[in-house]
Amino acid sequence: MAFGAGAQADGGTLTVGYDSQPNSLDAQMSTTLYTRELSRTFYETLVTLNGDYQPVPFLAESIETSDDRKTFTFVLRKGVMFHDGTEMTAEDVVASMTR
C-alpha cells in the first residue's frame, strides 16, 4: 500500500503515543525531548521557521530590526486569543520572556 500525498484525508483524529511520560510540560524548565515535542503542540512562539528554515513571524505580525541589530521590535498579531477568551497583549509576551 502506498502512502503518498494522495493518501491524505482531511478531518479525523490523529492519535500519537509516546513510550515515556514527560517530566514536565514546562518547556522552559525541562530539557527532555518529550517535553519539547509535546509542548510544540500547545505553545506558540513569536517567530517560527518556514520550510527553508528561515525565521518568519508567527504570533508576531512583523519584526523590525534596529540598524545596529541589537533591538528587535515585534508587532503582535491582533485577535490572538488565550483559552480563557482574553486577547494576547504585549504585557503577556513580556511576562513570558522575563520568566
PDB file of N, CA and C in Angstrom:
ATOM      1  N   MET A   1       0.853  -1.171   0.000  1.00  0.00           N
ATOM      2  CA  MET A   1       0.000   0.000   0.000  1.00  0.00           C
ATOM      3  C   MET A   1       0.901   1.237   0.000  1.00  0.00           C
ATOM      4  N   ALA A   2       0.630   2.191  -0.875  1.00  0.00           N
ATOM      5  CA  ALA A   2       1.422   3.419  -0.975  1.00  0.00           C
ATOM      6  C   ALA A   2       0.801   4.512  -0.110  1.00  0.00           C
ATOM      7  N   PHE A   3       1.652   5.289   0.522  1.00  0.00           N
ATOM      8  CA  PHE A   3       1.178   6.382   1.373  1.00  0.00           C
ATOM      9  C   PHE A   3       1.748   7.695   0.879  1.00  0.00           C
ATOM     10  N   GLY A   4       1.390   8.114  -0.295  1.00  0.00           N
ATOM     11  CA  GLY A   4       1.846   9.376  -0.857  1.00  0.00           C
ATOM     12  C   GLY A   4       0.889  10.495  -0.503  1.00  0.00           C
ATOM     13  N   ALA A   5       1.092  11.635  -1.123  1.00  0.00           N
ATOM     14  CA  ALA A   5       0.245  12.803  -0.855  1.00  0.00           C
ATOM     15  C   ALA A   5      -1.224  12.510  -1.159  1.00  0.00           C
ATOM     16  N   GLY A   6      -1.482  11.631  -2.112  1.00  0.00           N
ATOM     17  CA  GLY A   6      -2.855  11.306  -2.463  1.00  0.00           C
ATOM     18  C   GLY A   6      -3.586  10.531  -1.381  1.00  0.00           C
ATOM     19  N   ALA A   7      -2.844   9.941  -0.444  1.00  0.00           N
ATOM     20  CA  ALA A   7      -3.458   9.144   0.615  1.00  0.00           C
ATOM     21  C   ALA A   7      -3.922   9.988   1.786  1.00  0.00           C
ATOM     22  N   GLN A   8      -3.621  11.277   1.777  1.00  0.00           N
ATOM     23  CA  GLN A   8      -4.006  12.140   2.887  1.00  0.00           C
ATOM     24  C   GLN A   8      -5.494  12.445   2.837  1.00  0.00           C
ATOM     25  N   ALA A   9      -6.083  12.611   4.014  1.00  0.00           N
ATOM     26  CA  ALA A   9      -7.502  12.930   4.108  1.00  0.00           C
ATOM     27  C   ALA A   9      -7.694  14.062   5.111  1.00  0.00           C
ATOM     28  N   ASP A  10      -8.677  14.908   4.874  1.00  0.00           N
ATOM     29  CA  ASP A  10      -8.999  15.983   5.801  1.00  0.00           C
ATOM     30  C   ASP A  10      -9.853  15.449   6.938  1.00  0.00           C
ATOM     31  N   GLY A  11      -9.723  16.097   8.105  1.00  0.00           N
ATOM     32  CA  GLY A  11     -10.560  15.741   9.241  1.00  0.00           C
ATOM     33  C   GLY A  11     -10.052  14.501   9.949  1.00  0.00           C
ATOM     34  N   GLY A  12     -10.816  14.044  10.891  1.00  0.00           N
ATOM     35  CA  GLY A  12     -10.448  12.854  11.632  1.00  0.00           C
ATOM     36  C   GLY A  12      -9.592  13.164  12.845  1.00  0.00           C
ATOM     37  N   THR A  13      -9.057  12.123  13.435  1.00  0.00           N
ATOM     38  CA  THR A  13      -8.255  12.245  14.648  1.00  0.00           C
ATOM     39  C   THR A  13      -6.940  11.518  14.449  1.00  0.00           C
ATOM     40  N   LEU A  14      -5.867  12.155  14.832  1.00  0.00           N
ATOM     41  CA  LEU A  14      -4.549  11.524  14.823  1.00  0.00           C
ATOM     42  C   LEU A  14      -4.174  11.254  16.268  1.00  0.00           C
ATOM     43  N   THR A  15      -3.931  10.006  16.584  1.00  0.00           N
ATOM     44  CA  THR A  15      -3.527   9.630  17.928  1.00  0.00           C
ATOM     45  C   THR A  15      -2.046   9.286  17.905  1.00  0.00           C
ATOM     46  N   VAL A  16      -1.283   9.930  18.780  1.00  0.00           N
ATOM     47  CA  VAL A  16       0.162   9.712  18.852  1.00  0.00           C
ATOM     48  C   VAL A  16       0.490   9.193  20.232  1.00  0.00           C
ATOM     49  N   GLY A  17       1.302   8.154  20.288  1.00  0.00           N
ATOM     50  CA  GLY A  17       1.703   7.592  21.570  1.00  0.00           C
ATOM     51  C   GLY A  17       3.195   7.758  21.790  1.00  0.00           C
ATOM     52  N   TYR A  18       3.584   8.082  22.996  1.00  0.00           N
ATOM     53  CA  TYR A  18       4.991   8.170  23.379  1.00  0.00           C
ATOM     54  C   TYR A  18       5.298   7.020  24.319  1.00  0.00           C
ATOM     55  N   ASP A  19       6.541   6.577  24.299  1.00  0.00           N
ATOM     56  CA  ASP A  19       6.914   5.460  25.156  1.00  0.00           C
ATOM     57  C   ASP A  19       7.382   5.900  26.540  1.00  0.00           C
ATOM     58  N   SER A  20       7.192   7.163  26.842  1.00  0.00           N
ATOM     59  CA  SER A  20       7.609   7.688  28.142  1.00  0.00           C
ATOM     60  C   SER A  20       6.735   8.877  28.505  1.00  0.00           C
ATOM     61  N   GLN A  21       6.660   9.176  29.781  1.00  0.00           N
ATOM     62  CA  GLN A  21       5.942  10.353  30.251  1.00  0.00           C
ATOM     63  C   GLN A  21       6.903  11.540  30.265  1.00  0.00           C
ATOM     64  N   PRO A  22       6.448  12.723  29.878  1.00  0.00           N
ATOM     65  CA  PRO A  22       7.312  13.897  30.025  1.00  0.00           C
ATOM     66  C   PRO A  22       7.513  14.189  31.512  1.00  0.00           C
ATOM     67  N   ASN A  23       8.686  14.682  31.858  1.00  0.00           N
ATOM     68  CA  ASN A  23       8.922  15.011  33.264  1.00  0.00           C
ATOM     69  C   ASN A  23       8.218  16.300  33.656  1.00  0.00           C
ATOM     70  N   SER A  24       7.787  17.069  32.649  1.00  0.00           N
ATOM     71  CA  SER A  24       7.123  18.347  32.880  1.00  0.00           C
ATOM     72  C   SER A  24       6.484  18.788  31.572  1.00  0.00           C
ATOM     73  N   LEU A  25       5.526  19.692  31.641  1.00  0.00           N
ATOM     74  CA  LEU A  25       5.008  20.335  30.429  1.00  0.00           C
ATOM     75  C   LEU A  25       5.529  21.768  30.324  1.00  0.00           C
ATOM     76  N   ASP A  26       6.496  22.087  31.149  1.00  0.00           N
ATOM     77  CA  ASP A  26       7.113  23.411  31.171  1.00  0.00           C
ATOM     78  C   ASP A  26       8.380  23.357  30.321  1.00  0.00           C
ATOM     79  N   ALA A  27       8.262  23.721  29.065  1.00  0.00           N
ATOM     80  CA  ALA A  27       9.371  23.592  28.124  1.00  0.00           C
ATOM     81  C   ALA A  27      10.569  24.462  28.493  1.00  0.00           C
ATOM     82  N   GLN A  28      10.354  25.522  29.252  1.00  0.00           N
ATOM     83  CA  GLN A  28      11.469  26.379  29.652  1.00  0.00           C
ATOM     84  C   GLN A  28      12.270  25.778  30.797  1.00  0.00           C
ATOM     85  N   MET A  29      11.716  24.828  31.497  1.00  0.00           N
ATOM     86  CA  MET A  29      12.395  24.253  32.658  1.00  0.00           C
ATOM     87  C   MET A  29      12.845  22.810  32.436  1.00  0.00           C
ATOM     88  N   SER A  30      12.573  22.259  31.279  1.00  0.00           N
ATOM     89  CA  SER A  30      12.902  20.867  31.025  1.00  0.00           C
ATOM     90  C   SER A  30      13.789  20.761  29.788  1.00  0.00           C
ATOM     91  N   THR A  31      14.643  19.762  29.768  1.00  0.00           N
ATOM     92  CA  THR A  31      15.488  19.528  28.594  1.00  0.00           C
ATOM     93  C   THR A  31      15.131  18.235  27.883  1.00  0.00           C
ATOM     94  N   THR A  32      14.042  17.588  28.278  1.00  0.00           N
ATOM     95  CA  THR A  32      13.712  16.305  27.669  1.00  0.00           C
ATOM     96  C   THR A  32      13.052  16.476  26.307  1.00  0.00           C
ATOM     97  N   LEU A  33      13.315  15.529  25.443  1.00  0.00           N
ATOM     98  CA  LEU A  33      12.720  15.517  24.118  1.00  0.00           C
ATOM     99  C   LEU A  33      11.202  15.458  24.201  1.00  0.00           C
ATOM    100  N   TYR A  34      10.682  14.661  25.119  1.00  0.00           N
ATOM    101  CA  TYR A  34       9.231  14.508  25.251  1.00  0.00           C
ATOM    102  C   TYR A  34       8.556  15.832  25.580  1.00  0.00           C
ATOM    103  N   THR A  35       9.132  16.561  26.512  1.00  0.00           N
ATOM    104  CA  THR A  35       8.552  17.856  26.873  1.00  0.00           C
ATOM    105  C   THR A  35       8.593  18.808  25.685  1.00  0.00           C
ATOM    106  N   ARG A  36       9.728  18.867  24.999  1.00  0.00           N
ATOM    107  CA  ARG A  36       9.858  19.771  23.856  1.00  0.00           C
ATOM    108  C   ARG A  36       8.840  19.426  22.776  1.00  0.00           C
ATOM    109  N   GLU A  37       8.752  18.161  22.407  1.00  0.00           N
ATOM    110  CA  GLU A  37       7.848  17.761  21.334  1.00  0.00           C
ATOM    111  C   GLU A  37       6.386  17.964  21.708  1.00  0.00           C
ATOM    112  N   LEU A  38       6.010  17.610  22.928  1.00  0.00           N
ATOM    113  CA  LEU A  38       4.625  17.800  23.344  1.00  0.00           C
ATOM    114  C   LEU A  38       4.264  19.277  23.441  1.00  0.00           C
ATOM    115  N   SER A  39       5.168  20.083  23.993  1.00  0.00           N
ATOM    116  CA  SER A  39       4.839  21.496  24.189  1.00  0.00           C
ATOM    117  C   SER A  39       4.696  22.241  22.868  1.00  0.00           C
ATOM    118  N   ARG A  40       5.294  21.753  21.818  1.00  0.00           N
ATOM    119  CA  ARG A  40       5.137  22.386  20.497  1.00  0.00           C
ATOM    120  C   ARG A  40       3.701  22.312  19.999  1.00  0.00           C
ATOM    121  N   THR A  41       2.923  21.395  20.554  1.00  0.00           N
ATOM    122  CA  THR A  41       1.539  21.259  20.099  1.00  0.00           C
ATOM    123  C   THR A  41       0.594  22.245  20.772  1.00  0.00           C
ATOM    124  N   PHE A  42       1.028  22.871  21.869  1.00  0.00           N
ATOM    125  CA  PHE A  42       0.109  23.803  22.532  1.00  0.00           C
ATOM    126  C   PHE A  42       0.727  25.139  22.905  1.00  0.00           C
ATOM    127  N   TYR A  43       2.032  25.314  22.769  1.00  0.00           N
ATOM    128  CA  TYR A  43       2.656  26.625  22.957  1.00  0.00           C
ATOM    129  C   TYR A  43       2.999  27.186  21.591  1.00  0.00           C
ATOM    130  N   GLU A  44       2.752  28.466  21.401  1.00  0.00           N
ATOM    131  CA  GLU A  44       3.093  29.118  20.141  1.00  0.00           C
ATOM    132  C   GLU A  44       4.133  30.190  20.407  1.00  0.00           C
ATOM    133  N   THR A  45       4.909  30.516  19.393  1.00  0.00           N
ATOM    134  CA  THR A  45       6.027  31.442  19.538  1.00  0.00           C
ATOM    135  C   THR A  45       5.837  32.688  18.677  1.00  0.00           C
ATOM    136  N   LEU A  46       6.571  33.727  19.000  1.00  0.00           N
ATOM    137  CA  LEU A  46       6.515  34.947  18.196  1.00  0.00           C
ATOM    138  C   LEU A  46       7.031  34.709  16.784  1.00  0.00           C
ATOM    139  N   VAL A  47       8.029  33.851  16.691  1.00  0.00           N
ATOM    140  CA  VAL A  47       8.681  33.566  15.414  1.00  0.00           C
ATOM    141  C   VAL A  47       8.760  32.057  15.253  1.00  0.00           C
ATOM    142  N   THR A  48       8.658  31.585  14.018  1.00  0.00           N
ATOM    143  CA  THR A  48       8.829  30.163  13.733  1.00  0.00           C
ATOM    144  C   THR A  48       9.719  30.026  12.512  1.00  0.00           C
ATOM    145  N   LEU A  49       9.976  28.819  12.092  1.00  0.00           N
ATOM    146  CA  LEU A  49      10.786  28.582  10.900  1.00  0.00           C
ATOM    147  C   LEU A  49       9.890  28.157   9.748  1.00  0.00           C
ATOM    148  N   ASN A  50      10.192  28.681   8.547  1.00  0.00           N
ATOM    149  CA  ASN A  50       9.426  28.272   7.373  1.00  0.00           C
ATOM    150  C   ASN A  50      10.035  26.995   6.793  1.00  0.00           C
ATOM    151  N   GLY A  51       9.575  26.573   5.643  1.00  0.00           N
ATOM    152  CA  GLY A  51      10.046  25.343   5.018  1.00  0.00           C
ATOM    153  C   GLY A  51      11.516  25.365   4.649  1.00  0.00           C
ATOM    154  N   ASP A  52      12.092  26.556   4.547  1.00  0.00           N
ATOM    155  CA  ASP A  52      13.522  26.695   4.239  1.00  0.00           C
ATOM    156  C   ASP A  52      14.335  26.989   5.489  1.00  0.00           C
ATOM    157  N   TYR A  53      13.744  26.781   6.656  1.00  0.00           N
ATOM    158  CA  TYR A  53      14.389  27.017   7.952  1.00  0.00           C
ATOM    159  C   TYR A  53      14.811  28.476   8.142  1.00  0.00           C
ATOM    160  N   GLN A  54      14.038  29.371   7.578  1.00  0.00           N
ATOM    161  CA  GLN A  54      14.251  30.798   7.766  1.00  0.00           C
ATOM    162  C   GLN A  54      13.246  31.301   8.799  1.00  0.00           C
ATOM    163  N   PRO A  55      13.664  32.173   9.730  1.00  0.00           N
ATOM    164  CA  PRO A  55      12.715  32.685  10.721  1.00  0.00           C
ATOM    165  C   PRO A  55      11.662  33.579  10.073  1.00  0.00           C
ATOM    166  N   VAL A  56      10.411  33.349  10.462  1.00  0.00           N
ATOM    167  CA  VAL A  56       9.291  34.148   9.967  1.00  0.00           C
ATOM    168  C   VAL A  56       8.353  34.440  11.134  1.00  0.00           C
ATOM    169  N   PRO A  57       7.623  35.551  11.089  1.00  0.00           N
ATOM    170  CA  PRO A  57       6.685  35.870  12.170  1.00  0.00           C
ATOM    171  C   PRO A  57       5.616  34.793  12.311  1.00  0.00           C
ATOM    172  N   PHE A  58       5.196  34.553  13.557  1.00  0.00           N
ATOM    173  CA  PHE A  58       4.097  33.617  13.816  1.00  0.00           C
ATOM    174  C   PHE A  58       3.054  34.300  14.675  1.00  0.00           C
ATOM    175  N   LEU A  59       3.277  34.453  15.975  1.00  0.00           N
ATOM    176  CA  LEU A  59       2.381  35.277  16.787  1.00  0.00           C
ATOM    177  C   LEU A  59       2.662  36.753  16.546  1.00  0.00           C
ATOM    178  N   ALA A  60       3.851  37.044  16.067  1.00  0.00           N
ATOM    179  CA  ALA A  60       4.170  38.410  15.649  1.00  0.00           C
ATOM    180  C   ALA A  60       3.639  38.587  14.229  1.00  0.00           C
ATOM    181  N   GLU A  61       3.198  39.785  13.944  1.00  0.00           N
ATOM    182  CA  GLU A  61       2.765  40.113  12.589  1.00  0.00           C
ATOM    183  C   GLU A  61       3.962  40.504  11.738  1.00  0.00           C
ATOM    184  N   SER A  62       4.901  41.198  12.376  1.00  0.00           N
ATOM    185  CA  SER A  62       6.121  41.607  11.691  1.00  0.00           C
ATOM    186  C   SER A  62       7.208  41.847  12.732  1.00  0.00           C
ATOM    187  N   ILE A  63       8.441  41.943  12.249  1.00  0.00           N
ATOM    188  CA  ILE A  63       9.596  42.174  13.118  1.00  0.00           C
ATOM    189  C   ILE A  63      10.413  43.303  12.511  1.00  0.00           C
ATOM    190  N   GLU A  64      10.721  44.278  13.341  1.00  0.00           N
ATOM    191  CA  GLU A  64      11.571  45.391  12.907  1.00  0.00           C
ATOM    192  C   GLU A  64      12.900  45.269  13.640  1.00  0.00           C
ATOM    193  N   THR A  65      13.998  45.459  12.911  1.00  0.00           N
ATOM    194  CA  THR A  65      15.330  45.336  13.484  1.00  0.00           C
ATOM    195  C   THR A  65      16.029  46.683  13.417  1.00  0.00           C
ATOM    196  N   SER A  66      16.670  47.082  14.517  1.00  0.00           N
ATOM    197  CA  SER A  66      17.398  48.354  14.538  1.00  0.00           C
ATOM    198  C   SER A  66      18.630  48.251  13.644  1.00  0.00           C
ATOM    199  N   ASP A  67      19.155  49.394  13.256  1.00  0.00           N
ATOM    200  CA  ASP A  67      20.326  49.425  12.377  1.00  0.00           C
ATOM    201  C   ASP A  67      21.520  48.699  12.969  1.00  0.00           C
ATOM    202  N   ASP A  68      21.686  48.766  14.290  1.00  0.00           N
ATOM    203  CA  ASP A  68      22.818  48.076  14.924  1.00  0.00           C
ATOM    204  C   ASP A  68      22.509  46.611  15.223  1.00  0.00           C
ATOM    205  N   ARG A  69      21.295  46.166  14.872  1.00  0.00           N
ATOM    206  CA  ARG A  69      20.827  44.779  15.045  1.00  0.00           C
ATOM    207  C   ARG A  69      20.859  44.316  16.496  1.00  0.00           C
ATOM    208  N   LYS A  70      20.715  45.274  17.421  1.00  0.00           N
ATOM    209  CA  LYS A  70      20.673  44.938  18.843  1.00  0.00           C
ATOM    210  C   LYS A  70      19.271  45.024  19.428  1.00  0.00           C
ATOM    211  N   THR A  71      18.361  45.644  18.682  1.00  0.00           N
ATOM    212  CA  THR A  71      16.988  45.803  19.162  1.00  0.00           C
ATOM    213  C   THR A  71      16.023  45.254  18.118  1.00  0.00           C
ATOM    214  N   PHE A  72      15.137  44.373  18.579  1.00  0.00           N
ATOM    215  CA  PHE A  72      14.111  43.804  17.717  1.00  0.00           C
ATOM    216  C   PHE A  72      12.755  44.232  18.254  1.00  0.00           C
ATOM    217  N   THR A  73      11.910  44.742  17.383  1.00  0.00           N
ATOM    218  CA  THR A  73      10.557  45.148  17.755  1.00  0.00           C
ATOM    219  C   THR A  73       9.576  44.203  17.075  1.00  0.00           C
ATOM    220  N   PHE A  74       8.780  43.532  17.900  1.00  0.00           N
ATOM    221  CA  PHE A  74       7.792  42.600  17.386  1.00  0.00           C
ATOM    222  C   PHE A  74       6.434  43.282  17.380  1.00  0.00           C
ATOM    223  N   VAL A  75       5.820  43.378  16.220  1.00  0.00           N
ATOM    224  CA  VAL A  75       4.455  43.884  16.114  1.00  0.00           C
ATOM    225  C   VAL A  75       3.551  42.660  16.226  1.00  0.00           C
ATOM    226  N   LEU A  76       2.714  42.627  17.259  1.00  0.00           N
ATOM    227  CA  LEU A  76       1.900  41.448  17.542  1.00  0.00           C
ATOM    228  C   LEU A  76       0.689  41.351  16.625  1.00  0.00           C
ATOM    229  N   ARG A  77       0.331  40.109  16.282  1.00  0.00           N
ATOM    230  CA  ARG A  77      -0.905  39.875  15.539  1.00  0.00           C
ATOM    231  C   ARG A  77      -2.085  40.260  16.421  1.00  0.00           C
ATOM    232  N   LYS A  78      -3.089  40.791  15.834  1.00  0.00           N
ATOM    233  CA  LYS A  78      -4.329  41.114  16.546  1.00  0.00           C
ATOM    234  C   LYS A  78      -5.241  39.897  16.565  1.00  0.00           C
ATOM    235  N   GLY A  79      -6.040  39.798  17.610  1.00  0.00           N
ATOM    236  CA  GLY A  79      -7.045  38.748  17.675  1.00  0.00           C
ATOM    237  C   GLY A  79      -6.532  37.385  18.107  1.00  0.00           C
ATOM    238  N   VAL A  80      -5.319  37.316  18.657  1.00  0.00           N
ATOM    239  CA  VAL A  80      -4.798  36.043  19.166  1.00  0.00           C
ATOM    240  C   VAL A  80      -5.386  35.847  20.559  1.00  0.00           C
ATOM    241  N   MET A  81      -6.197  34.808  20.706  1.00  0.00           N
ATOM    242  CA  MET A  81      -6.934  34.609  21.946  1.00  0.00           C
ATOM    243  C   MET A  81      -6.336  33.478  22.777  1.00  0.00           C
ATOM    244  N   PHE A  82      -6.346  33.672  24.093  1.00  0.00           N
ATOM    245  CA  PHE A  82      -5.981  32.621  25.032  1.00  0.00           C
ATOM    246  C   PHE A  82      -7.188  31.720  25.261  1.00  0.00           C
ATOM    247  N   HIS A  83      -6.971  30.600  25.919  1.00  0.00           N
ATOM    248  CA  HIS A  83      -8.039  29.645  26.186  1.00  0.00           C
ATOM    249  C   HIS A  83      -9.178  30.243  27.002  1.00  0.00           C
ATOM    250  N   ASP A  84      -8.883  31.303  27.774  1.00  0.00           N
ATOM    251  CA  ASP A  84      -9.927  31.906  28.609  1.00  0.00           C
ATOM    252  C   ASP A  84     -10.677  33.036  27.902  1.00  0.00           C
ATOM    253  N   GLY A  85     -10.373  33.251  26.615  1.00  0.00           N
ATOM    254  CA  GLY A  85     -11.085  34.259  25.837  1.00  0.00           C
ATOM    255  C   GLY A  85     -10.452  35.635  25.848  1.00  0.00           C
ATOM    256  N   THR A  86      -9.355  35.826  26.594  1.00  0.00           N
ATOM    257  CA  THR A  86      -8.681  37.126  26.585  1.00  0.00           C
ATOM    258  C   THR A  86      -7.691  37.183  25.431  1.00  0.00           C
ATOM    259  N   GLU A  87      -7.477  38.392  24.931  1.00  0.00           N
ATOM    260  CA  GLU A  87      -6.579  38.583  23.793  1.00  0.00           C
ATOM    261  C   GLU A  87      -5.138  38.766  24.259  1.00  0.00           C
ATOM    262  N   MET A  88      -4.202  38.215  23.516  1.00  0.00           N
ATOM    263  CA  MET A  88      -2.777  38.364  23.812  1.00  0.00           C
ATOM    264  C   MET A  88      -2.374  39.831  23.711  1.00  0.00           C
ATOM    265  N   THR A  89      -1.599  40.268  24.701  1.00  0.00           N
ATOM    266  CA  THR A  89      -1.111  41.646  24.725  1.00  0.00           C
ATOM    267  C   THR A  89       0.409  41.651  24.839  1.00  0.00           C
ATOM    268  N   ALA A  90       0.996  42.820  24.669  1.00  0.00           N
ATOM    269  CA  ALA A  90       2.442  42.965  24.837  1.00  0.00           C
ATOM    270  C   ALA A  90       2.857  42.581  26.251  1.00  0.00           C
ATOM    271  N   GLU A  91       2.023  42.868  27.233  1.00  0.00           N
ATOM    272  CA  GLU A  91       2.332  42.504  28.619  1.00  0.00           C
ATOM    273  C   GLU A  91       2.444  40.990  28.788  1.00  0.00           C
ATOM    274  N   ASP A  92       1.624  40.249  28.080  1.00  0.00           N
ATOM    275  CA  ASP A  92       1.695  38.791  28.135  1.00  0.00           C
ATOM    276  C   ASP A  92       3.025  38.291  27.568  1.00  0.00           C
ATOM    277  N   VAL A  93       3.448  38.890  26.471  1.00  0.00           N
ATOM    278  CA  VAL A  93       4.707  38.496  25.851  1.00  0.00           C
ATOM    279  C   VAL A  93       5.871  38.832  26.768  1.00  0.00           C
ATOM    280  N   VAL A  94       5.852  40.013  27.354  1.00  0.00           N
ATOM    281  CA  VAL A  94       6.924  40.408  28.286  1.00  0.00           C
ATOM    282  C   VAL A  94       6.973  39.435  29.466  1.00  0.00           C
ATOM    283  N   ALA A  95       5.822  39.078  29.999  1.00  0.00           N
ATOM    284  CA  ALA A  95       5.780  38.150  31.132  1.00  0.00           C
ATOM    285  C   ALA A  95       6.384  36.792  30.750  1.00  0.00           C
ATOM    286  N   SER A  96       6.111  36.324  29.547  1.00  0.00           N
ATOM    287  CA  SER A  96       6.659  35.048  29.092  1.00  0.00           C
ATOM    288  C   SER A  96       8.178  35.147  28.901  1.00  0.00           C
ATOM    289  N   MET A  97       8.629  36.245  28.342  1.00  0.00           N
ATOM    290  CA  MET A  97      10.066  36.387  28.060  1.00  0.00           C
ATOM    291  C   MET A  97      10.896  36.642  29.317  1.00  0.00           C
ATOM    292  N   THR A  98      10.329  37.310  30.285  1.00  0.00           N
ATOM    293  CA  THR A  98      11.098  37.587  31.506  1.00  0.00           C
ATOM    294  C   THR A  98      11.024  36.447  32.508  1.00  0.00           C
ATOM    295  N   ARG A  99      10.146  35.503  32.269  1.00  0.00           N
ATOM    296  CA  ARG A  99      10.005  34.355  33.145  1.00  0.00           C
ATOM    297  C   ARG A  99      11.316  33.627  33.249  1.00  0.00           C
TER     298      ARG A  99
END
